[in-house]
Amino acid sequence: MAIKQDTLFLGMTRPAQFWGTHWAALVANVIVTMYSFMFTEELWAHMVEHGEQRENLLALAQWPKLSGLTDAAVEEEIGWVVRLVSEIRSVRTEMNVPVAAKIPLALPGAGAALKERAKKHQDTISRLARLESITFPKAAPKGAAVIVVGDTSAALPLAGSVFAVAEELLGPHSNTSAQR
C-alpha cells in the first residue's frame, strides 16, 4: 500500500484541530522521510495499531507524492532571468569581454511588463551577468551585440569600448583576454 498524501506533511500549516484527524497520515509521512537517517522500520511495523495496514517494509514503500508546489508564472519569470544571464555570458565570452569588466545592458523598446520584470530582478541580473546598468532605450545602440531571449530583445553596447577597440587592433584571434 502506498503512502497517503497529506497536506499537513507539506508544511503543517493547518490549524491544530485538524492534526488529530490526520495524525496517522502525518506520522506515516514523517517516518518515510526520516527513513534515510533513522531506524524507523519498527515504527512502521507498529503503525498497524493505528489503523494503517502495512504490506511491505518501509524500505520498499513509495515516497509521498507531492503536488501543487509549482507556480508556472514564477517558473517562467525565473527561467527568463536564467536564459538572459546565460545569453549575456555567452556574448561576453564570444566577444572576449574581461570577466571583471562591467558592461551596460539595453532592453530596447521594452514594454511596461518587461520593464517591471527587469527592475524587479535588476540586482540578480547585474550581479550574475556583471552588468554596470540596465537601460530602456527606444532602439538598440549602434554597434551593440543583440541578444534574443524568448520575446525579449536585449543589446550589449560593446562598440567603442576599450576591449572592442583592442580586439579590432590586435585581431580576433589575439590572446587579449589573457593579458587583461
Protein backbone atom coordinates (compact mmCIF):
# COMPACT_ATOMS: atom_id res chain seq x y z
CA MET A 1 0.00 0.00 0.00
CA ALA A 2 1.35 3.41 -0.93
CA ILE A 3 1.72 6.29 1.49
CA LYS A 4 -1.25 8.61 1.54
CA GLN A 5 -0.58 12.20 0.65
CA ASP A 6 -1.49 14.57 3.42
CA THR A 7 -1.40 18.34 3.17
CA LEU A 8 -0.13 18.51 6.75
CA PHE A 9 3.10 16.94 5.57
CA LEU A 10 3.59 19.75 3.04
CA GLY A 11 4.17 22.37 5.67
CA MET A 12 2.00 21.70 8.70
CA THR A 13 0.19 24.96 8.15
CA ARG A 14 -3.24 23.66 9.07
CA PRO A 15 -4.74 24.65 12.42
CA ALA A 16 -4.11 22.32 15.34
CA GLN A 17 -7.69 20.99 15.45
CA PHE A 18 -7.12 19.13 12.14
CA TRP A 19 -3.96 17.35 13.32
CA GLY A 20 -5.91 14.73 15.23
CA THR A 21 -7.94 13.67 12.19
CA HIS A 22 -4.85 13.29 10.01
CA TRP A 23 -2.40 12.15 12.66
CA ALA A 24 -1.80 8.66 11.23
CA ALA A 25 -1.08 10.01 7.74
CA LEU A 26 1.18 12.71 9.17
CA VAL A 27 3.18 10.23 11.25
CA ALA A 28 3.44 7.83 8.30
CA ASN A 29 4.81 10.58 6.04
CA VAL A 30 7.30 11.73 8.69
CA ILE A 31 8.51 8.14 9.15
CA VAL A 32 9.04 7.72 5.40
CA THR A 33 11.01 10.97 5.28
CA MET A 34 13.14 10.07 8.31
CA TYR A 35 13.98 6.59 6.99
CA SER A 36 17.21 7.69 5.34
CA PHE A 37 18.78 8.71 8.65
CA MET A 38 16.86 6.86 11.39
CA PHE A 39 15.86 3.28 12.05
CA THR A 40 12.13 3.54 11.55
CA GLU A 41 11.17 0.03 10.38
CA GLU A 42 9.97 -0.75 13.91
CA LEU A 43 7.74 2.33 14.00
CA TRP A 44 6.48 1.49 10.52
CA ALA A 45 5.54 -2.03 11.58
CA HIS A 46 3.61 -0.73 14.61
CA MET A 47 1.52 1.71 12.55
CA VAL A 48 -0.97 -1.14 12.12
CA GLU A 49 -2.03 -0.45 15.70
CA HIS A 50 -3.32 2.93 14.49
CA GLY A 51 -5.45 1.53 11.68
CA GLU A 52 -2.95 1.56 8.82
CA GLN A 53 -2.16 -1.91 7.44
CA ARG A 54 1.38 -2.27 6.07
CA GLU A 55 2.04 -4.86 3.38
CA ASN A 56 5.78 -4.40 2.99
CA LEU A 57 8.90 -2.94 4.59
CA LEU A 58 9.38 0.80 4.81
CA ALA A 59 12.45 0.45 2.59
CA LEU A 60 10.11 -0.75 -0.19
CA ALA A 61 7.35 1.81 0.37
CA GLN A 62 6.69 4.61 -2.09
CA TRP A 63 7.70 8.15 -1.23
CA PRO A 64 4.89 10.65 -0.71
CA LYS A 65 3.81 12.22 -3.99
CA LEU A 66 3.86 15.99 -3.67
CA SER A 67 1.77 18.15 -5.93
CA GLY A 68 0.79 21.77 -6.21
CA LEU A 69 4.23 23.05 -5.25
CA THR A 70 4.97 24.79 -8.55
CA ASP A 71 3.81 28.09 -9.97
CA ALA A 72 4.02 28.33 -13.76
CA ALA A 73 4.26 32.14 -13.76
CA VAL A 74 7.18 32.12 -11.31
CA GLU A 75 8.95 29.35 -13.22
CA GLU A 76 8.60 31.33 -16.45
CA GLU A 77 9.89 34.53 -14.84
CA ILE A 78 12.92 32.89 -13.22
CA GLY A 79 13.53 30.92 -16.42
CA TRP A 80 13.66 34.22 -18.30
CA VAL A 81 16.27 35.56 -15.85
CA VAL A 82 18.37 32.40 -16.22
CA ARG A 83 18.18 32.47 -20.05
CA LEU A 84 19.00 36.20 -20.19
CA VAL A 85 22.03 35.82 -17.92
CA SER A 86 23.20 32.77 -19.90
CA GLU A 87 22.96 34.64 -23.20
CA ILE A 88 24.78 37.69 -21.81
CA ARG A 89 27.57 35.45 -20.51
CA SER A 90 27.82 33.72 -23.90
CA VAL A 91 28.17 37.05 -25.72
CA ARG A 92 30.75 38.23 -23.19
CA THR A 93 32.78 35.07 -23.81
CA GLU A 94 32.48 35.29 -27.60
CA MET A 95 33.49 38.96 -27.60
CA ASN A 96 36.41 38.41 -25.19
CA VAL A 97 34.99 40.83 -22.64
CA PRO A 98 37.14 40.59 -19.49
CA VAL A 99 35.47 38.87 -16.57
CA ALA A 100 36.00 41.86 -14.28
CA ALA A 101 34.56 44.38 -16.78
CA LYS A 102 31.07 45.64 -16.07
CA ILE A 103 29.10 46.46 -19.19
CA PRO A 104 25.71 48.11 -19.74
CA LEU A 105 22.61 46.22 -20.88
CA ALA A 106 19.94 47.87 -23.02
CA LEU A 107 16.43 46.49 -23.39
CA PRO A 108 15.23 48.46 -26.44
CA GLY A 109 11.53 49.00 -26.93
CA ALA A 110 10.67 47.34 -23.64
CA GLY A 111 7.02 47.36 -22.64
CA ALA A 112 5.74 48.04 -19.15
CA ALA A 113 5.74 44.34 -18.16
CA LEU A 114 9.33 43.83 -19.33
CA LYS A 115 10.50 46.99 -17.55
CA GLU A 116 8.85 45.83 -14.34
CA ARG A 117 10.40 42.35 -14.64
CA ALA A 118 13.86 43.75 -15.37
CA LYS A 119 13.69 46.21 -12.48
CA LYS A 120 12.43 43.50 -10.13
CA HIS A 121 15.41 41.25 -10.94
CA GLN A 122 17.95 44.00 -11.69
CA ASP A 123 20.24 43.19 -8.75
CA THR A 124 20.34 39.48 -9.60
CA ILE A 125 20.87 40.01 -13.32
CA SER A 126 23.51 42.69 -12.74
CA ARG A 127 25.44 40.53 -10.30
CA LEU A 128 25.30 37.30 -12.31
CA ALA A 129 25.96 38.90 -15.71
CA ARG A 130 28.44 41.53 -14.43
CA LEU A 131 26.40 44.48 -15.66
CA GLU A 132 27.01 48.14 -14.99
CA SER A 133 23.41 49.18 -15.62
CA ILE A 134 20.16 48.23 -17.31
CA THR A 135 18.56 50.88 -19.53
CA PHE A 136 15.40 51.02 -21.64
CA PRO A 137 16.14 52.98 -24.85
CA LYS A 138 13.70 53.17 -27.78
CA ALA A 139 16.17 51.47 -30.14
CA ALA A 140 19.30 49.34 -29.75
CA PRO A 141 22.53 51.37 -29.62
CA LYS A 142 24.71 51.33 -32.72
CA GLY A 143 27.30 48.57 -32.76
CA ALA A 144 25.61 46.64 -29.95
CA ALA A 145 25.56 42.87 -29.74
CA VAL A 146 21.88 41.93 -29.89
CA ILE A 147 20.52 39.02 -27.87
CA VAL A 148 17.06 37.49 -28.25
CA VAL A 149 15.62 35.67 -25.24
CA GLY A 150 12.11 34.45 -25.98
CA ASP A 151 10.21 37.61 -26.91
CA THR A 152 12.80 39.90 -25.30
CA SER A 153 15.43 41.73 -27.33
CA ALA A 154 18.47 42.84 -25.39
CA ALA A 155 21.56 44.71 -26.54
CA LEU A 156 25.06 44.89 -25.14
CA PRO A 157 26.64 48.14 -26.40
CA LEU A 158 30.23 46.97 -26.91
CA ALA A 159 31.22 49.20 -29.85
CA GLY A 160 33.74 51.83 -28.85
CA SER A 161 34.59 50.14 -25.60
CA VAL A 162 38.21 49.54 -24.69
CA PHE A 163 38.12 45.78 -25.23
CA ALA A 164 36.30 46.07 -28.60
CA VAL A 165 38.91 48.56 -29.86
CA ALA A 166 41.73 46.31 -28.60
CA GLU A 167 40.27 43.33 -30.45
CA GLU A 168 39.99 45.38 -33.65
CA LEU A 169 43.63 46.48 -33.40
CA LEU A 170 45.08 43.14 -32.33
CA GLY A 171 42.78 40.86 -34.33
CA PRO A 172 40.03 38.49 -33.27
CA HIS A 173 42.39 35.59 -32.53
CA SER A 174 44.72 37.52 -30.24
CA ASN A 175 45.08 36.41 -26.66
CA THR A 176 43.98 39.79 -25.30
CA SER A 177 41.74 38.30 -22.63
CA ALA A 178 44.74 36.57 -21.00
CA GLN A 179 46.66 39.85 -20.93
CA ARG A 180 43.88 41.63 -19.01
